Amino acid sequence: MSTILALPYREASQSGIISIALPAGVPIVATKVGSLPEVLTHEENSLLVEPNDFMALASAIKKLLSNPKLRTKLIIGGHQTIKTTISWQHTASKYYQLYQSVL
C-alpha cells in the first residue's frame, strides 16, 4: 500500500505503472513528459510538474502528503480516468472508430 506514486521521469513514452496505480487508488505526482499528460491531468487525477524541476517535484509531493482531501480528489479522478480514458471498452471503441474510418 502506497500513499502516493512519484514518477520523476526526464523522458518517457508510456508508463504501465499508471494503469496499475489509478485503479489501485494511488495518487500520482509525475513530470510532464512523453505520453503521461495524455492520461494524467494536473489537479484532476494527478499533480504534474515540469521535468528536471526538482523543487516543483518536492513541492508537489509535500502538497499531496499534507493534503488528504487533495489525495481523495485525485483518487476519485483517477477512477474516472480508468472508466473513461484507459478502460478496455474505451480502447476498443477508439480502435473500432479508427477501423471504420479507413474502410
N, C-alpha and C. Protein backbone atom coordinates (compact mmCIF):
# COMPACT_ATOMS: atom_id res chain seq x y z
N MET A 1 0.84 -1.18 0.00
CA MET A 1 0.00 0.00 0.00
C MET A 1 0.89 1.24 0.00
N SER A 2 0.65 2.12 -0.95
CA SER A 2 1.43 3.34 -1.07
C SER A 2 0.54 4.55 -0.85
N THR A 3 1.10 5.58 -0.27
CA THR A 3 0.35 6.82 -0.07
C THR A 3 0.30 7.60 -1.37
N ILE A 4 1.42 7.68 -2.08
CA ILE A 4 1.49 8.34 -3.37
C ILE A 4 2.47 7.58 -4.26
N LEU A 5 2.43 7.92 -5.55
CA LEU A 5 3.39 7.40 -6.52
C LEU A 5 4.06 8.59 -7.18
N ALA A 6 5.38 8.65 -7.13
CA ALA A 6 6.13 9.73 -7.78
C ALA A 6 6.79 9.16 -9.04
N LEU A 7 6.57 9.84 -10.16
CA LEU A 7 7.15 9.45 -11.45
C LEU A 7 7.98 10.62 -11.98
N PRO A 8 9.20 10.78 -11.47
CA PRO A 8 10.02 11.92 -11.87
C PRO A 8 10.84 11.66 -13.14
N TYR A 9 10.16 11.27 -14.20
CA TYR A 9 10.84 10.96 -15.46
C TYR A 9 11.41 12.21 -16.11
N ARG A 10 12.56 12.06 -16.76
CA ARG A 10 13.10 13.13 -17.59
C ARG A 10 12.57 13.00 -19.01
N GLU A 11 12.33 11.76 -19.41
CA GLU A 11 11.69 11.48 -20.68
C GLU A 11 10.99 10.14 -20.57
N ALA A 12 9.97 9.94 -21.36
CA ALA A 12 9.21 8.70 -21.31
C ALA A 12 8.34 8.61 -22.55
N SER A 13 7.99 7.40 -22.91
CA SER A 13 6.98 7.24 -23.95
C SER A 13 5.66 6.95 -23.25
N GLN A 14 5.60 5.82 -22.58
CA GLN A 14 4.42 5.45 -21.80
C GLN A 14 4.91 4.86 -20.49
N SER A 15 4.02 4.74 -19.54
CA SER A 15 4.36 4.12 -18.27
C SER A 15 3.21 3.20 -17.86
N GLY A 16 3.48 1.91 -17.83
CA GLY A 16 2.47 0.95 -17.43
C GLY A 16 2.04 1.09 -15.98
N ILE A 17 2.87 1.71 -15.18
CA ILE A 17 2.57 1.84 -13.76
C ILE A 17 1.33 2.70 -13.53
N ILE A 18 1.04 3.61 -14.45
CA ILE A 18 -0.15 4.46 -14.32
C ILE A 18 -1.41 3.61 -14.33
N SER A 19 -1.46 2.63 -15.23
CA SER A 19 -2.65 1.79 -15.31
C SER A 19 -2.77 0.84 -14.13
N ILE A 20 -1.75 0.74 -13.32
CA ILE A 20 -1.81 -0.03 -12.08
C ILE A 20 -2.18 0.88 -10.92
N ALA A 21 -1.57 2.07 -10.88
CA ALA A 21 -1.77 2.98 -9.74
C ALA A 21 -3.18 3.57 -9.70
N LEU A 22 -3.71 3.98 -10.86
CA LEU A 22 -5.02 4.63 -10.85
C LEU A 22 -6.12 3.72 -10.29
N PRO A 23 -6.29 2.49 -10.79
CA PRO A 23 -7.35 1.66 -10.21
C PRO A 23 -7.07 1.23 -8.78
N ALA A 24 -5.79 1.25 -8.38
CA ALA A 24 -5.45 0.88 -7.01
C ALA A 24 -5.68 2.04 -6.04
N GLY A 25 -6.03 3.21 -6.57
CA GLY A 25 -6.31 4.36 -5.71
C GLY A 25 -5.06 5.00 -5.15
N VAL A 26 -4.00 5.03 -5.93
CA VAL A 26 -2.75 5.65 -5.50
C VAL A 26 -2.59 6.97 -6.27
N PRO A 27 -2.61 8.10 -5.56
CA PRO A 27 -2.44 9.39 -6.23
C PRO A 27 -1.03 9.51 -6.83
N ILE A 28 -0.94 10.23 -7.95
CA ILE A 28 0.30 10.30 -8.71
C ILE A 28 0.83 11.72 -8.79
N VAL A 29 2.14 11.84 -8.61
CA VAL A 29 2.89 13.06 -8.93
C VAL A 29 3.82 12.66 -10.05
N ALA A 30 3.75 13.37 -11.18
CA ALA A 30 4.55 12.98 -12.34
C ALA A 30 5.07 14.21 -13.08
N THR A 31 6.06 13.96 -13.91
CA THR A 31 6.57 15.02 -14.77
C THR A 31 5.81 15.00 -16.09
N LYS A 32 5.77 16.15 -16.73
CA LYS A 32 5.05 16.32 -18.00
C LYS A 32 5.94 15.89 -19.16
N VAL A 33 6.09 14.58 -19.33
CA VAL A 33 6.92 14.07 -20.42
C VAL A 33 6.20 12.95 -21.14
N GLY A 34 6.62 12.71 -22.38
CA GLY A 34 6.07 11.61 -23.15
C GLY A 34 4.56 11.65 -23.23
N SER A 35 3.96 10.49 -23.11
CA SER A 35 2.50 10.40 -23.20
C SER A 35 1.83 10.52 -21.83
N LEU A 36 2.59 10.78 -20.78
CA LEU A 36 1.99 10.89 -19.45
C LEU A 36 0.88 11.94 -19.41
N PRO A 37 1.07 13.13 -19.98
CA PRO A 37 -0.01 14.13 -19.95
C PRO A 37 -1.23 13.76 -20.80
N GLU A 38 -1.11 12.73 -21.63
CA GLU A 38 -2.28 12.27 -22.39
C GLU A 38 -3.27 11.54 -21.48
N VAL A 39 -2.77 10.98 -20.38
CA VAL A 39 -3.61 10.25 -19.43
C VAL A 39 -3.78 11.03 -18.14
N LEU A 40 -2.72 11.69 -17.71
CA LEU A 40 -2.74 12.41 -16.44
C LEU A 40 -3.06 13.88 -16.66
N THR A 41 -3.97 14.38 -15.83
CA THR A 41 -4.38 15.79 -15.89
C THR A 41 -4.11 16.43 -14.54
N HIS A 42 -3.39 17.54 -14.56
CA HIS A 42 -2.99 18.23 -13.34
C HIS A 42 -4.21 18.60 -12.49
N GLU A 43 -4.14 18.24 -11.24
CA GLU A 43 -5.16 18.51 -10.21
C GLU A 43 -6.52 17.89 -10.52
N GLU A 44 -6.55 16.96 -11.48
CA GLU A 44 -7.77 16.21 -11.74
C GLU A 44 -7.57 14.74 -11.34
N ASN A 45 -6.47 14.14 -11.81
CA ASN A 45 -6.15 12.76 -11.43
C ASN A 45 -4.69 12.61 -11.04
N SER A 46 -3.98 13.75 -10.96
CA SER A 46 -2.56 13.73 -10.62
C SER A 46 -2.09 15.16 -10.37
N LEU A 47 -0.85 15.27 -9.94
CA LEU A 47 -0.17 16.55 -9.94
C LEU A 47 0.97 16.42 -10.94
N LEU A 48 1.07 17.36 -11.86
CA LEU A 48 2.10 17.32 -12.89
C LEU A 48 3.05 18.49 -12.73
N VAL A 49 4.33 18.20 -12.93
CA VAL A 49 5.37 19.23 -12.85
C VAL A 49 6.26 19.13 -14.08
N GLU A 50 7.01 20.18 -14.32
CA GLU A 50 7.95 20.18 -15.44
C GLU A 50 9.10 19.22 -15.15
N PRO A 51 9.64 18.57 -16.17
CA PRO A 51 10.79 17.69 -15.95
C PRO A 51 12.01 18.50 -15.49
N ASN A 52 12.82 17.89 -14.68
CA ASN A 52 14.05 18.49 -14.14
C ASN A 52 13.81 19.65 -13.19
N ASP A 53 12.58 19.89 -12.78
CA ASP A 53 12.29 20.93 -11.80
C ASP A 53 12.11 20.23 -10.45
N PHE A 54 13.23 19.99 -9.79
CA PHE A 54 13.23 19.21 -8.56
C PHE A 54 12.50 19.91 -7.42
N MET A 55 12.54 21.24 -7.44
CA MET A 55 11.84 21.99 -6.40
C MET A 55 10.32 21.84 -6.58
N ALA A 56 9.84 21.91 -7.81
CA ALA A 56 8.41 21.73 -8.07
C ALA A 56 7.98 20.31 -7.73
N LEU A 57 8.83 19.33 -8.03
CA LEU A 57 8.53 17.95 -7.70
C LEU A 57 8.42 17.78 -6.19
N ALA A 58 9.39 18.31 -5.45
CA ALA A 58 9.36 18.22 -4.00
C ALA A 58 8.14 18.93 -3.43
N SER A 59 7.82 20.09 -3.98
CA SER A 59 6.65 20.84 -3.51
C SER A 59 5.36 20.07 -3.76
N ALA A 60 5.23 19.45 -4.94
CA ALA A 60 4.02 18.68 -5.26
C ALA A 60 3.89 17.47 -4.34
N ILE A 61 5.00 16.80 -4.06
CA ILE A 61 4.97 15.65 -3.15
C ILE A 61 4.54 16.09 -1.76
N LYS A 62 5.13 17.18 -1.27
CA LYS A 62 4.76 17.69 0.06
C LYS A 62 3.29 18.09 0.09
N LYS A 63 2.83 18.76 -0.95
CA LYS A 63 1.44 19.20 -1.04
C LYS A 63 0.50 17.99 -0.95
N LEU A 64 0.83 16.95 -1.67
CA LEU A 64 -0.02 15.76 -1.69
C LEU A 64 0.02 15.01 -0.37
N LEU A 65 1.19 14.91 0.22
CA LEU A 65 1.31 14.21 1.51
C LEU A 65 0.60 14.95 2.64
N SER A 66 0.53 16.28 2.55
CA SER A 66 -0.07 17.05 3.64
C SER A 66 -1.54 17.38 3.42
N ASN A 67 -2.12 16.89 2.31
CA ASN A 67 -3.48 17.28 1.99
C ASN A 67 -4.34 16.05 1.65
N PRO A 68 -4.94 15.42 2.67
CA PRO A 68 -5.76 14.23 2.42
C PRO A 68 -6.94 14.48 1.48
N LYS A 69 -7.52 15.68 1.53
CA LYS A 69 -8.64 15.99 0.62
C LYS A 69 -8.19 15.98 -0.83
N LEU A 70 -7.01 16.51 -1.10
CA LEU A 70 -6.47 16.51 -2.45
C LEU A 70 -6.18 15.08 -2.90
N ARG A 71 -5.61 14.27 -2.01
CA ARG A 71 -5.35 12.86 -2.36
C ARG A 71 -6.66 12.17 -2.73
N THR A 72 -7.71 12.40 -1.96
CA THR A 72 -9.01 11.79 -2.24
C THR A 72 -9.55 12.28 -3.59
N LYS A 73 -9.42 13.57 -3.85
CA LYS A 73 -9.88 14.13 -5.13
C LYS A 73 -9.16 13.46 -6.30
N LEU A 74 -7.84 13.29 -6.17
CA LEU A 74 -7.07 12.68 -7.25
C LEU A 74 -7.40 11.20 -7.42
N ILE A 75 -7.69 10.52 -6.31
CA ILE A 75 -8.09 9.11 -6.38
C ILE A 75 -9.41 8.98 -7.14
N ILE A 76 -10.36 9.84 -6.81
CA ILE A 76 -11.66 9.82 -7.50
C ILE A 76 -11.46 10.15 -8.98
N GLY A 77 -10.65 11.14 -9.25
CA GLY A 77 -10.35 11.50 -10.64
C GLY A 77 -9.66 10.37 -11.38
N GLY A 78 -8.79 9.66 -10.69
CA GLY A 78 -8.11 8.51 -11.29
C GLY A 78 -9.07 7.40 -11.65
N HIS A 79 -10.02 7.15 -10.77
CA HIS A 79 -11.04 6.13 -11.06
C HIS A 79 -11.89 6.54 -12.26
N GLN A 80 -12.19 7.83 -12.36
CA GLN A 80 -12.95 8.32 -13.51
C GLN A 80 -12.14 8.17 -14.80
N THR A 81 -10.84 8.43 -14.72
CA THR A 81 -9.98 8.27 -15.89
C THR A 81 -9.97 6.83 -16.36
N ILE A 82 -9.93 5.90 -15.42
CA ILE A 82 -9.96 4.48 -15.77
C ILE A 82 -11.24 4.17 -16.54
N LYS A 83 -12.36 4.68 -16.08
CA LYS A 83 -13.65 4.39 -16.72
C LYS A 83 -13.77 5.02 -18.10
N THR A 84 -13.20 6.22 -18.27
CA THR A 84 -13.46 6.97 -19.50
C THR A 84 -12.31 7.01 -20.49
N THR A 85 -11.10 6.80 -20.06
CA THR A 85 -9.96 7.01 -20.95
C THR A 85 -9.15 5.76 -21.21
N ILE A 86 -8.87 4.97 -20.19
CA ILE A 86 -7.97 3.83 -20.42
C ILE A 86 -8.61 2.48 -20.12
N SER A 87 -9.94 2.43 -20.15
CA SER A 87 -10.60 1.14 -19.99
C SER A 87 -10.50 0.36 -21.29
N TRP A 88 -10.63 -0.94 -21.21
CA TRP A 88 -10.62 -1.76 -22.42
C TRP A 88 -11.79 -1.38 -23.32
N GLN A 89 -12.93 -1.09 -22.73
CA GLN A 89 -14.10 -0.71 -23.53
C GLN A 89 -13.81 0.57 -24.32
N HIS A 90 -13.21 1.54 -23.67
CA HIS A 90 -12.88 2.80 -24.35
C HIS A 90 -11.86 2.55 -25.46
N THR A 91 -10.84 1.78 -25.17
CA THR A 91 -9.79 1.48 -26.14
C THR A 91 -10.38 0.75 -27.35
N ALA A 92 -11.21 -0.25 -27.10
CA ALA A 92 -11.83 -1.00 -28.19
C ALA A 92 -12.70 -0.08 -29.05
N SER A 93 -13.42 0.82 -28.42
CA SER A 93 -14.27 1.76 -29.15
C SER A 93 -13.43 2.66 -30.05
N LYS A 94 -12.31 3.14 -29.55
CA LYS A 94 -11.43 4.00 -30.35
C LYS A 94 -10.86 3.24 -31.54
N TYR A 95 -10.43 1.99 -31.32
CA TYR A 95 -9.93 1.17 -32.42
C TYR A 95 -11.02 0.91 -33.44
N TYR A 96 -12.22 0.63 -33.00
CA TYR A 96 -13.34 0.39 -33.90
C TYR A 96 -13.58 1.63 -34.76
N GLN A 97 -13.59 2.80 -34.14
CA GLN A 97 -13.78 4.05 -34.89
C GLN A 97 -12.68 4.24 -35.92
N LEU A 98 -11.45 3.93 -35.53
CA LEU A 98 -10.33 4.06 -36.45
C LEU A 98 -10.49 3.13 -37.65
N TYR A 99 -10.82 1.88 -37.37
CA TYR A 99 -11.01 0.90 -38.44
C TYR A 99 -12.15 1.31 -39.37
N GLN A 100 -13.22 1.83 -38.81
CA GLN A 100 -14.34 2.27 -39.63
C GLN A 100 -13.96 3.46 -40.52
N SER A 101 -13.06 4.29 -40.05
CA SER A 101 -12.68 5.47 -40.81
C SER A 101 -11.80 5.14 -42.02
N VAL A 102 -11.15 3.99 -42.02
CA VAL A 102 -10.28 3.63 -43.15
C VAL A 102 -10.96 2.65 -44.10
N LEU A 103 -12.15 2.20 -43.77
CA LEU A 103 -12.87 1.29 -44.68
C LEU A 103 -13.63 2.02 -45.73
